[in-house]
């Protein structure tokens, strides 16, 4: 399993409420519908550790694919890369994209 983790802050001129309206609707649907994505989520980082530490990144998005080949096919597709770069330049300030191979996983049993 391959997990893309994006940690980021918005540029000062980006309205956070407008961003959240878009991020939780249109953009969440787009992330969920990417070819091969088996899981995606979005979080607002309000707390950090140790206590009284301000989170370095306000937002986090993750998306998971079943294998590296499918991830590369989707993520590095030229049109997707162009759209991604445009969105990053328009809205994001400090950001990092991490691509990880999940080596261990546990899900709560229901």
PDB file of N, CA and C in Angstrom:
ATOM      1  N   UNK A   1       0.858  -1.171   0.000  1.00  0.00           N
ATOM      2  CA  UNK A   1       0.000   0.000   0.000  1.00  0.00           C
ATOM      3  C   UNK A   1       0.905   1.234   0.000  1.00  0.00           C
ATOM      4  N   UNK A   2       0.557   2.204  -0.822  1.00  0.00           N
ATOM      5  CA  UNK A   2       1.306   3.462  -0.918  1.00  0.00           C
ATOM      6  C   UNK A   2       0.431   4.590  -0.385  1.00  0.00           C
ATOM      7  N   UNK A   3       1.006   5.404   0.489  1.00  0.00           N
ATOM      8  CA  UNK A   3       0.268   6.529   1.067  1.00  0.00           C
ATOM      9  C   UNK A   3       0.952   7.838   0.700  1.00  0.00           C
ATOM     10  N   UNK A   4       0.175   8.723   0.110  1.00  0.00           N
ATOM     11  CA  UNK A   4       0.605  10.089  -0.127  1.00  0.00           C
ATOM     12  C   UNK A   4       0.097  10.920   1.041  1.00  0.00           C
ATOM     13  N   UNK A   5       1.003  11.608   1.717  1.00  0.00           N
ATOM     14  CA  UNK A   5       0.634  12.502   2.811  1.00  0.00           C
ATOM     15  C   UNK A   5       1.073  13.905   2.433  1.00  0.00           C
ATOM     16  N   UNK A   6       0.130  14.831   2.474  1.00  0.00           N
ATOM     17  CA  UNK A   6       0.431  16.224   2.139  1.00  0.00           C
ATOM     18  C   UNK A   6       0.168  17.058   3.388  1.00  0.00           C
ATOM     19  N   UNK A   7       1.203  17.700   3.879  1.00  0.00           N
ATOM     20  CA  UNK A   7       1.114  18.596   5.037  1.00  0.00           C
ATOM     21  C   UNK A   7       1.273  20.013   4.508  1.00  0.00           C
ATOM     22  N   UNK A   8       0.365  20.918   4.932  1.00  0.00           N
ATOM     23  CA  UNK A   8       0.425  22.241   4.322  1.00  0.00           C
ATOM     24  C   UNK A   8      -0.271  23.320   5.139  1.00  0.00           C
ATOM     25  N   UNK A   9       0.107  24.539   4.778  1.00  0.00           N
ATOM     26  CA  UNK A   9      -0.529  25.758   5.262  1.00  0.00           C
ATOM     27  C   UNK A   9      -1.014  26.537   4.051  1.00  0.00           C
ATOM     28  N   UNK A  10      -1.990  27.381   4.265  1.00  0.00           N
ATOM     29  CA  UNK A  10      -2.509  28.221   3.187  1.00  0.00           C
ATOM     30  C   UNK A  10      -1.704  29.506   3.091  1.00  0.00           C
ATOM     31  N   UNK A  11      -1.665  30.058   1.887  1.00  0.00           N
ATOM     32  CA  UNK A  11      -1.071  31.374   1.728  1.00  0.00           C
ATOM     33  C   UNK A  11      -1.915  32.374   2.515  1.00  0.00           C
ATOM     34  N   UNK A  12      -1.313  33.449   3.026  1.00  0.00           N
ATOM     35  CA  UNK A  12      -2.053  34.422   3.839  1.00  0.00           C
ATOM     36  C   UNK A  12      -3.280  35.009   3.146  1.00  0.00           C
ATOM     37  N   UNK A  13      -3.225  35.153   1.824  1.00  0.00           N
ATOM     38  CA  UNK A  13      -4.354  35.765   1.113  1.00  0.00           C
ATOM     39  C   UNK A  13      -5.497  34.794   0.828  1.00  0.00           C
ATOM     40  N   UNK A  14      -5.336  33.509   1.144  1.00  0.00           N
ATOM     41  CA  UNK A  14      -6.390  32.520   0.902  1.00  0.00           C
ATOM     42  C   UNK A  14      -7.347  32.509   2.087  1.00  0.00           C
ATOM     43  N   UNK A  15      -8.613  32.710   1.828  1.00  0.00           N
ATOM     44  CA  UNK A  15      -9.642  32.699   2.867  1.00  0.00           C
ATOM     45  C   UNK A  15      -9.875  31.258   3.329  1.00  0.00           C
ATOM     46  N   UNK A  16      -9.635  30.989   4.609  1.00  0.00           N
ATOM     47  CA  UNK A  16      -9.739  29.622   5.116  1.00  0.00           C
ATOM     48  C   UNK A  16     -11.155  29.062   5.017  1.00  0.00           C
ATOM     49  N   UNK A  17     -12.164  29.868   5.289  1.00  0.00           N
ATOM     50  CA  UNK A  17     -13.542  29.376   5.199  1.00  0.00           C
ATOM     51  C   UNK A  17     -13.895  28.980   3.763  1.00  0.00           C
ATOM     52  N   UNK A  18     -13.505  29.783   2.801  1.00  0.00           N
ATOM     53  CA  UNK A  18     -13.759  29.452   1.403  1.00  0.00           C
ATOM     54  C   UNK A  18     -12.979  28.204   0.987  1.00  0.00           C
ATOM     55  N   UNK A  19     -11.744  28.114   1.458  1.00  0.00           N
ATOM     56  CA  UNK A  19     -10.934  26.937   1.167  1.00  0.00           C
ATOM     57  C   UNK A  19     -11.611  25.683   1.709  1.00  0.00           C
ATOM     58  N   UNK A  20     -12.072  25.730   2.960  1.00  0.00           N
ATOM     59  CA  UNK A  20     -12.713  24.554   3.561  1.00  0.00           C
ATOM     60  C   UNK A  20     -13.986  24.173   2.826  1.00  0.00           C
ATOM     61  N   UNK A  21     -14.760  25.147   2.388  1.00  0.00           N
ATOM     62  CA  UNK A  21     -15.978  24.858   1.625  1.00  0.00           C
ATOM     63  C   UNK A  21     -15.632  24.067   0.360  1.00  0.00           C
ATOM     64  N   UNK A  22     -14.609  24.510  -0.352  1.00  0.00           N
ATOM     65  CA  UNK A  22     -14.162  23.822  -1.566  1.00  0.00           C
ATOM     66  C   UNK A  22     -13.510  22.480  -1.237  1.00  0.00           C
ATOM     67  N   UNK A  23     -12.655  22.469  -0.225  1.00  0.00           N
ATOM     68  CA  UNK A  23     -11.872  21.266   0.104  1.00  0.00           C
ATOM     69  C   UNK A  23     -12.761  20.115   0.563  1.00  0.00           C
ATOM     70  N   UNK A  24     -13.821  20.430   1.290  1.00  0.00           N
ATOM     71  CA  UNK A  24     -14.693  19.394   1.843  1.00  0.00           C
ATOM     72  C   UNK A  24     -15.771  18.935   0.864  1.00  0.00           C
ATOM     73  N   UNK A  25     -15.878  19.578  -0.274  1.00  0.00           N
ATOM     74  CA  UNK A  25     -16.896  19.183  -1.259  1.00  0.00           C
ATOM     75  C   UNK A  25     -16.208  18.767  -2.558  1.00  0.00           C
ATOM     76  N   UNK A  26     -16.011  19.698  -3.456  1.00  0.00           N
ATOM     77  CA  UNK A  26     -15.468  19.409  -4.789  1.00  0.00           C
ATOM     78  C   UNK A  26     -14.124  18.676  -4.741  1.00  0.00           C
ATOM     79  N   UNK A  27     -13.220  19.179  -3.925  1.00  0.00           N
ATOM     80  CA  UNK A  27     -11.877  18.584  -3.915  1.00  0.00           C
ATOM     81  C   UNK A  27     -11.870  17.205  -3.254  1.00  0.00           C
ATOM     82  N   UNK A  28     -12.691  17.006  -2.238  1.00  0.00           N
ATOM     83  CA  UNK A  28     -12.759  15.684  -1.614  1.00  0.00           C
ATOM     84  C   UNK A  28     -13.310  14.661  -2.610  1.00  0.00           C
ATOM     85  N   UNK A  29     -14.317  15.058  -3.388  1.00  0.00           N
ATOM     86  CA  UNK A  29     -14.857  14.173  -4.426  1.00  0.00           C
ATOM     87  C   UNK A  29     -13.794  13.848  -5.468  1.00  0.00           C
ATOM     88  N   UNK A  30     -13.020  14.856  -5.863  1.00  0.00           N
ATOM     89  CA  UNK A  30     -11.962  14.634  -6.855  1.00  0.00           C
ATOM     90  C   UNK A  30     -10.905  13.675  -6.313  1.00  0.00           C
ATOM     91  N   UNK A  31     -10.491  13.866  -5.070  1.00  0.00           N
ATOM     92  CA  UNK A  31      -9.503  12.966  -4.469  1.00  0.00           C
ATOM     93  C   UNK A  31     -10.037  11.544  -4.399  1.00  0.00           C
ATOM     94  N   UNK A  32     -11.275  11.404  -3.973  1.00  0.00           N
ATOM     95  CA  UNK A  32     -11.880  10.082  -3.812  1.00  0.00           C
ATOM     96  C   UNK A  32     -12.038   9.353  -5.138  1.00  0.00           C
ATOM     97  N   UNK A  33     -12.190  10.100  -6.208  1.00  0.00           N
ATOM     98  CA  UNK A  33     -12.445   9.473  -7.502  1.00  0.00           C
ATOM     99  C   UNK A  33     -11.181   9.251  -8.331  1.00  0.00           C
ATOM    100  N   UNK A  34     -10.017   9.601  -7.795  1.00  0.00           N
ATOM    101  CA  UNK A  34      -8.780   9.339  -8.541  1.00  0.00           C
ATOM    102  C   UNK A  34      -8.617   7.838  -8.750  1.00  0.00           C
ATOM    103  N   UNK A  35      -8.138   7.460  -9.897  1.00  0.00           N
ATOM    104  CA  UNK A  35      -7.963   6.057 -10.244  1.00  0.00           C
ATOM    105  C   UNK A  35      -7.136   5.326  -9.179  1.00  0.00           C
ATOM    106  N   UNK A  36      -7.689   4.224  -8.680  1.00  0.00           N
ATOM    107  CA  UNK A  36      -6.969   3.367  -7.752  1.00  0.00           C
ATOM    108  C   UNK A  36      -6.992   3.768  -6.297  1.00  0.00           C
ATOM    109  N   UNK A  37      -7.468   4.960  -5.973  1.00  0.00           N
ATOM    110  CA  UNK A  37      -7.458   5.403  -4.577  1.00  0.00           C
ATOM    111  C   UNK A  37      -8.399   4.520  -3.756  1.00  0.00           C
ATOM    112  N   UNK A  38      -7.846   3.922  -2.699  1.00  0.00           N
ATOM    113  CA  UNK A  38      -8.645   3.046  -1.837  1.00  0.00           C
ATOM    114  C   UNK A  38      -9.060   3.741  -0.543  1.00  0.00           C
ATOM    115  N   UNK A  39      -8.394   4.836  -0.221  1.00  0.00           N
ATOM    116  CA  UNK A  39      -8.741   5.605   0.982  1.00  0.00           C
ATOM    117  C   UNK A  39      -8.159   7.002   0.836  1.00  0.00           C
ATOM    118  N   UNK A  40      -8.912   7.995   1.291  1.00  0.00           N
ATOM    119  CA  UNK A  40      -8.391   9.356   1.362  1.00  0.00           C
ATOM    120  C   UNK A  40      -9.070  10.061   2.529  1.00  0.00           C
ATOM    121  N   UNK A  41      -8.324  10.932   3.176  1.00  0.00           N
ATOM    122  CA  UNK A  41      -8.929  11.732   4.240  1.00  0.00           C
ATOM    123  C   UNK A  41      -8.265  13.099   4.311  1.00  0.00           C
ATOM    124  N   UNK A  42      -8.880  13.962   5.077  1.00  0.00           N
ATOM    125  CA  UNK A  42      -8.437  15.352   5.205  1.00  0.00           C
ATOM    126  C   UNK A  42      -8.595  15.737   6.659  1.00  0.00           C
ATOM    127  N   UNK A  43      -7.593  16.380   7.221  1.00  0.00           N
ATOM    128  CA  UNK A  43      -7.709  16.767   8.629  1.00  0.00           C
ATOM    129  C   UNK A  43      -7.201  18.183   8.859  1.00  0.00           C
ATOM    130  N   UNK A  44      -7.774  18.766   9.890  1.00  0.00           N
ATOM    131  CA  UNK A  44      -7.387  20.074  10.397  1.00  0.00           C
ATOM    132  C   UNK A  44      -6.555  19.797  11.644  1.00  0.00           C
ATOM    133  N   UNK A  45      -5.330  20.267  11.653  1.00  0.00           N
ATOM    134  CA  UNK A  45      -4.428  19.992  12.772  1.00  0.00           C
ATOM    135  C   UNK A  45      -4.508  21.125  13.794  1.00  0.00           C
ATOM    136  N   UNK A  46      -5.183  20.846  14.900  1.00  0.00           N
ATOM    137  CA  UNK A  46      -5.368  21.852  15.949  1.00  0.00           C
ATOM    138  C   UNK A  46      -4.392  21.715  17.107  1.00  0.00           C
ATOM    139  N   UNK A  47      -3.848  20.526  17.286  1.00  0.00           N
ATOM    140  CA  UNK A  47      -2.967  20.260  18.415  1.00  0.00           C
ATOM    141  C   UNK A  47      -1.667  19.637  17.953  1.00  0.00           C
ATOM    142  N   UNK A  48      -0.636  19.759  18.770  1.00  0.00           N
ATOM    143  CA  UNK A  48       0.650  19.121  18.503  1.00  0.00           C
ATOM    144  C   UNK A  48       1.230  18.671  19.843  1.00  0.00           C
ATOM    145  N   UNK A  49       2.284  17.939  19.778  1.00  0.00           N
ATOM    146  CA  UNK A  49       2.970  17.468  20.975  1.00  0.00           C
ATOM    147  C   UNK A  49       4.433  17.819  20.827  1.00  0.00           C
ATOM    148  N   UNK A  50       5.112  18.169  21.904  1.00  0.00           N
ATOM    149  CA  UNK A  50       4.667  18.275  23.287  1.00  0.00           C
ATOM    150  C   UNK A  50       3.622  19.377  23.475  1.00  0.00           C
ATOM    151  N   UNK A  51       2.969  19.319  24.617  1.00  0.00           N
ATOM    152  CA  UNK A  51       1.916  20.291  24.919  1.00  0.00           C
ATOM    153  C   UNK A  51       2.427  21.713  24.692  1.00  0.00           C
ATOM    154  N   UNK A  52       1.509  22.565  24.297  1.00  0.00           N
ATOM    155  CA  UNK A  52       1.764  23.976  24.024  1.00  0.00           C
ATOM    156  C   UNK A  52       2.620  24.204  22.776  1.00  0.00           C
ATOM    157  N   UNK A  53       2.817  23.161  21.987  1.00  0.00           N
ATOM    158  CA  UNK A  53       3.503  23.300  20.713  1.00  0.00           C
ATOM    159  C   UNK A  53       2.457  23.619  19.655  1.00  0.00           C
ATOM    160  N   UNK A  54       2.728  24.614  18.847  1.00  0.00           N
ATOM    161  CA  UNK A  54       1.819  24.953  17.753  1.00  0.00           C
ATOM    162  C   UNK A  54       2.096  24.008  16.588  1.00  0.00           C
ATOM    163  N   UNK A  55       1.045  23.426  15.987  1.00  0.00           N
ATOM    164  CA  UNK A  55       1.273  22.551  14.831  1.00  0.00           C
ATOM    165  C   UNK A  55       1.977  23.318  13.707  1.00  0.00           C
ATOM    166  N   UNK A  56       2.985  22.700  13.113  1.00  0.00           N
ATOM    167  CA  UNK A  56       3.705  23.352  12.018  1.00  0.00           C
ATOM    168  C   UNK A  56       2.820  23.482  10.780  1.00  0.00           C
ATOM    169  N   UNK A  57       1.961  22.488  10.566  1.00  0.00           N
ATOM    170  CA  UNK A  57       1.076  22.483   9.412  1.00  0.00           C
ATOM    171  C   UNK A  57      -0.370  22.487   9.876  1.00  0.00           C
ATOM    172  N   UNK A  58      -1.184  23.349   9.304  1.00  0.00           N
ATOM    173  CA  UNK A  58      -2.594  23.476   9.678  1.00  0.00           C
ATOM    174  C   UNK A  58      -3.447  22.348   9.098  1.00  0.00           C
ATOM    175  N   UNK A  59      -3.064  21.835   7.917  1.00  0.00           N
ATOM    176  CA  UNK A  59      -3.879  20.838   7.229  1.00  0.00           C
ATOM    177  C   UNK A  59      -3.058  19.624   6.836  1.00  0.00           C
ATOM    178  N   UNK A  60      -3.767  18.479   6.702  1.00  0.00           N
ATOM    179  CA  UNK A  60      -3.141  17.252   6.236  1.00  0.00           C
ATOM    180  C   UNK A  60      -4.139  16.485   5.374  1.00  0.00           C
ATOM    181  N   UNK A  61      -3.666  16.047   4.226  1.00  0.00           N
ATOM    182  CA  UNK A  61      -4.447  15.198   3.336  1.00  0.00           C
ATOM    183  C   UNK A  61      -3.666  13.911   3.120  1.00  0.00           C
ATOM    184  N   UNK A  62      -4.366  12.767   3.147  1.00  0.00           N
ATOM    185  CA  UNK A  62      -3.740  11.508   2.785  1.00  0.00           C
ATOM    186  C   UNK A  62      -4.575  10.836   1.701  1.00  0.00           C
ATOM    187  N   UNK A  63      -3.891  10.084   0.866  1.00  0.00           N
ATOM    188  CA  UNK A  63      -4.552   9.253  -0.144  1.00  0.00           C
ATOM    189  C   UNK A  63      -3.723   7.982  -0.265  1.00  0.00           C
ATOM    190  N   UNK A  64      -4.413   6.852  -0.451  1.00  0.00           N
ATOM    191  CA  UNK A  64      -3.718   5.574  -0.517  1.00  0.00           C
ATOM    192  C   UNK A  64      -4.069   4.822  -1.799  1.00  0.00           C
ATOM    193  N   UNK A  65      -3.046   4.183  -2.366  1.00  0.00           N
ATOM    194  CA  UNK A  65      -3.171   3.338  -3.548  1.00  0.00           C
ATOM    195  C   UNK A  65      -2.667   1.940  -3.194  1.00  0.00           C
ATOM    196  N   UNK A  66      -3.145   0.914  -3.886  1.00  0.00           N
ATOM    197  CA  UNK A  66      -2.744  -0.449  -3.542  1.00  0.00           C
ATOM    198  C   UNK A  66      -1.284  -0.777  -3.855  1.00  0.00           C
ATOM    199  N   UNK A  67      -0.655  -0.046  -4.807  1.00  0.00           N
ATOM    200  CA  UNK A  67       0.736  -0.353  -5.137  1.00  0.00           C
ATOM    201  C   UNK A  67       1.402   0.864  -5.798  1.00  0.00           C
ATOM    202  N   UNK A  68       2.727   0.818  -5.863  1.00  0.00           N
ATOM    203  CA  UNK A  68       3.507   1.942  -6.381  1.00  0.00           C
ATOM    204  C   UNK A  68       3.269   2.169  -7.872  1.00  0.00           C
ATOM    205  N   UNK A  69       3.110   1.103  -8.634  1.00  0.00           N
ATOM    206  CA  UNK A  69       2.899   1.277 -10.073  1.00  0.00           C
ATOM    207  C   UNK A  69       1.647   2.097 -10.356  1.00  0.00           C
ATOM    208  N   UNK A  70       0.552   1.777  -9.685  1.00  0.00           N
ATOM    209  CA  UNK A  70      -0.694   2.519  -9.900  1.00  0.00           C
ATOM    210  C   UNK A  70      -0.564   3.953  -9.388  1.00  0.00           C
ATOM    211  N   UNK A  71       0.071   4.123  -8.236  1.00  0.00           N
ATOM    212  CA  UNK A  71       0.303   5.474  -7.711  1.00  0.00           C
ATOM    213  C   UNK A  71       1.056   6.322  -8.741  1.00  0.00           C
ATOM    214  N   UNK A  72       2.174   5.797  -9.254  1.00  0.00           N
ATOM    215  CA  UNK A  72       2.985   6.549 -10.213  1.00  0.00           C
ATOM    216  C   UNK A  72       2.198   6.867 -11.482  1.00  0.00           C
ATOM    217  N   UNK A  73       1.415   5.913 -11.939  1.00  0.00           N
ATOM    218  CA  UNK A  73       0.610   6.120 -13.150  1.00  0.00           C
ATOM    219  C   UNK A  73      -0.342   7.303 -12.987  1.00  0.00           C
ATOM    220  N   UNK A  74      -0.951   7.415 -11.809  1.00  0.00           N
ATOM    221  CA  UNK A  74      -1.927   8.482 -11.542  1.00  0.00           C
ATOM    222  C   UNK A  74      -1.230   9.786 -11.167  1.00  0.00           C
ATOM    223  N   UNK A  75      -0.332   9.722 -10.208  1.00  0.00           N
ATOM    224  CA  UNK A  75       0.257  10.929  -9.635  1.00  0.00           C
ATOM    225  C   UNK A  75       1.183  11.657 -10.607  1.00  0.00           C
ATOM    226  N   UNK A  76       1.940  10.913 -11.382  1.00  0.00           N
ATOM    227  CA  UNK A  76       2.911  11.534 -12.278  1.00  0.00           C
ATOM    228  C   UNK A  76       2.393  11.749 -13.696  1.00  0.00           C
ATOM    229  N   UNK A  77       1.116  11.537 -13.904  1.00  0.00           N
ATOM    230  CA  UNK A  77       0.506  11.807 -15.202  1.00  0.00           C
ATOM    231  C   UNK A  77       0.649  13.310 -15.468  1.00  0.00           C
ATOM    232  N   UNK A  78       1.139  13.698 -16.652  1.00  0.00           N
ATOM    233  CA  UNK A  78       1.469  15.104 -16.924  1.00  0.00           C
ATOM    234  C   UNK A  78       0.340  16.097 -16.655  1.00  0.00           C
ATOM    235  N   UNK A  79      -0.880  15.791 -17.052  1.00  0.00           N
ATOM    236  CA  UNK A  79      -1.976  16.740 -16.803  1.00  0.00           C
ATOM    237  C   UNK A  79      -2.249  16.878 -15.312  1.00  0.00           C
ATOM    238  N   UNK A  80      -2.210  15.769 -14.579  1.00  0.00           N
ATOM    239  CA  UNK A  80      -2.409  15.830 -13.137  1.00  0.00           C
ATOM    240  C   UNK A  80      -1.312  16.671 -12.487  1.00  0.00           C
ATOM    241  N   UNK A  81      -0.066  16.460 -12.906  1.00  0.00           N
ATOM    242  CA  UNK A  81       1.042  17.238 -12.354  1.00  0.00           C
ATOM    243  C   UNK A  81       0.868  18.730 -12.627  1.00  0.00           C
ATOM    244  N   UNK A  82       0.419  19.079 -13.812  1.00  0.00           N
ATOM    245  CA  UNK A  82       0.202  20.494 -14.151  1.00  0.00           C
ATOM    246  C   UNK A  82      -0.879  21.103 -13.262  1.00  0.00           C
ATOM    247  N   UNK A  83      -1.984  20.386 -13.085  1.00  0.00           N
ATOM    248  CA  UNK A  83      -3.071  20.874 -12.228  1.00  0.00           C
ATOM    249  C   UNK A  83      -2.616  20.971 -10.771  1.00  0.00           C
ATOM    250  N   UNK A  84      -1.851  19.986 -10.331  1.00  0.00           N
ATOM    251  CA  UNK A  84      -1.348  19.987  -8.959  1.00  0.00           C
ATOM    252  C   UNK A  84      -0.427  21.181  -8.720  1.00  0.00           C
ATOM    253  N   UNK A  85       0.506  21.392  -9.614  1.00  0.00           N
ATOM    254  CA  UNK A  85       1.438  22.528  -9.477  1.00  0.00           C
ATOM    255  C   UNK A  85       0.687  23.852  -9.454  1.00  0.00           C
ATOM    256  N   UNK A  86      -0.311  23.989 -10.307  1.00  0.00           N
ATOM    257  CA  UNK A  86      -1.101  25.214 -10.356  1.00  0.00           C
ATOM    258  C   UNK A  86      -1.823  25.449  -9.030  1.00  0.00           C
ATOM    259  N   UNK A  87      -2.454  24.414  -8.499  1.00  0.00           N
ATOM    260  CA  UNK A  87      -3.167  24.545  -7.226  1.00  0.00           C
ATOM    261  C   UNK A  87      -2.240  24.864  -6.068  1.00  0.00           C
ATOM    262  N   UNK A  88      -1.086  24.210  -6.051  1.00  0.00           N
ATOM    263  CA  UNK A  88      -0.100  24.464  -4.992  1.00  0.00           C
ATOM    264  C   UNK A  88       0.367  25.907  -5.055  1.00  0.00           C
ATOM    265  N   UNK A  89       0.716  26.385  -6.244  1.00  0.00           N
ATOM    266  CA  UNK A  89       1.193  27.761  -6.401  1.00  0.00           C
ATOM    267  C   UNK A  89       0.127  28.777  -6.026  1.00  0.00           C
ATOM    268  N   UNK A  90      -1.123  28.457  -6.305  1.00  0.00           N
ATOM    269  CA  UNK A  90      -2.229  29.388  -6.049  1.00  0.00           C
ATOM    270  C   UNK A  90      -2.588  29.484  -4.562  1.00  0.00           C
ATOM    271  N   UNK A  91      -2.580  28.337  -3.867  1.00  0.00           N
ATOM    272  CA  UNK A  91      -3.153  28.318  -2.521  1.00  0.00           C
ATOM    273  C   UNK A  91      -2.200  27.999  -1.375  1.00  0.00           C
ATOM    274  N   UNK A  92      -1.162  27.207  -1.627  1.00  0.00           N
ATOM    275  CA  UNK A  92      -0.363  26.705  -0.515  1.00  0.00           C
ATOM    276  C   UNK A  92       0.880  27.531  -0.267  1.00  0.00           C
ATOM    277  N   UNK A  93       1.189  27.661   1.011  1.00  0.00           N
ATOM    278  CA  UNK A  93       2.404  28.349   1.428  1.00  0.00           C
ATOM    279  C   UNK A  93       3.434  27.275   1.755  1.00  0.00           C
ATOM    280  N   UNK A  94       3.672  27.022   2.984  1.00  0.00           N
ATOM    281  CA  UNK A  94       4.594  25.982   3.422  1.00  0.00           C
ATOM    282  C   UNK A  94       3.918  24.631   3.210  1.00  0.00           C
ATOM    283  N   UNK A  95       4.573  23.707   2.510  1.00  0.00           N
ATOM    284  CA  UNK A  95       3.962  22.407   2.243  1.00  0.00           C
ATOM    285  C   UNK A  95       5.031  21.344   2.020  1.00  0.00           C
ATOM    286  N   UNK A  96       4.631  20.097   2.241  1.00  0.00           N
ATOM    287  CA  UNK A  96       5.497  18.961   1.954  1.00  0.00           C
ATOM    288  C   UNK A  96       4.626  17.804   1.480  1.00  0.00           C
ATOM    289  N   UNK A  97       5.085  17.108   0.442  1.00  0.00           N
ATOM    290  CA  UNK A  97       4.417  15.918  -0.070  1.00  0.00           C
ATOM    291  C   UNK A  97       5.300  14.723   0.284  1.00  0.00           C
ATOM    292  N   UNK A  98       4.760  13.791   1.033  1.00  0.00           N
ATOM    293  CA  UNK A  98       5.489  12.589   1.417  1.00  0.00           C
ATOM    294  C   UNK A  98       4.855  11.379   0.744  1.00  0.00           C
ATOM    295  N   UNK A  99       5.669  10.506   0.191  1.00  0.00           N
ATOM    296  CA  UNK A  99       5.182   9.284  -0.439  1.00  0.00           C
ATOM    297  C   UNK A  99       5.777   8.129   0.341  1.00  0.00           C
ATOM    298  N   UNK A 100       4.909   7.350   0.992  1.00  0.00           N
ATOM    299  CA  UNK A 100       5.383   6.284   1.849  1.00  0.00           C
ATOM    300  C   UNK A 100       4.791   4.935   1.498  1.00  0.00           C
ATOM    301  N   UNK A 101       5.567   3.906   1.760  1.00  0.00           N
ATOM    302  CA  UNK A 101       5.102   2.534   1.619  1.00  0.00           C
ATOM    303  C   UNK A 101       4.659   2.056   2.997  1.00  0.00           C
ATOM    304  N   UNK A 102       3.415   1.658   3.121  1.00  0.00           N
ATOM    305  CA  UNK A 102       2.892   1.206   4.408  1.00  0.00           C
ATOM    306  C   UNK A 102       3.435  -0.192   4.680  1.00  0.00           C
ATOM    307  N   UNK A 103       4.168  -0.335   5.774  1.00  0.00           N
ATOM    308  CA  UNK A 103       4.773  -1.611   6.133  1.00  0.00           C
ATOM    309  C   UNK A 103       3.977  -2.348   7.196  1.00  0.00           C
ATOM    310  N   UNK A 104       3.189  -1.633   7.962  1.00  0.00           N
ATOM    311  CA  UNK A 104       2.336  -2.256   8.997  1.00  0.00           C
ATOM    312  C   UNK A 104       1.059  -1.442   9.086  1.00  0.00           C
ATOM    313  N   UNK A 105      -0.038  -2.114   9.393  1.00  0.00           N
ATOM    314  CA  UNK A 105      -1.335  -1.462   9.443  1.00  0.00           C
ATOM    315  C   UNK A 105      -2.225  -2.192  10.435  1.00  0.00           C
ATOM    316  N   UNK A 106      -3.058  -1.454  11.119  1.00  0.00           N
ATOM    317  CA  UNK A 106      -4.043  -2.046  12.015  1.00  0.00           C
ATOM    318  C   UNK A 106      -5.327  -1.238  11.905  1.00  0.00           C
ATOM    319  N   UNK A 107      -6.422  -1.928  11.716  1.00  0.00           N
ATOM    320  CA  UNK A 107      -7.731  -1.282  11.707  1.00  0.00           C
ATOM    321  C   UNK A 107      -8.540  -1.856  12.845  1.00  0.00           C
ATOM    322  N   UNK A 108      -9.294  -0.975  13.497  1.00  0.00           N
ATOM    323  CA  UNK A 108     -10.135  -1.421  14.603  1.00  0.00           C
ATOM    324  C   UNK A 108     -11.185  -2.394  14.096  1.00  0.00           C
ATOM    325  N   UNK A 109     -11.343  -3.489  14.828  1.00  0.00           N
ATOM    326  CA  UNK A 109     -12.352  -4.482  14.452  1.00  0.00           C
ATOM    327  C   UNK A 109     -13.704  -4.019  14.943  1.00  0.00           C
ATOM    328  N   UNK A 110     -14.738  -4.236  14.118  1.00  0.00           N
ATOM    329  CA  UNK A 110     -16.085  -3.832  14.521  1.00  0.00           C
ATOM    330  C   UNK A 110     -16.926  -5.022  14.856  1.00  0.00           C
TER     331      UNK A 110
END
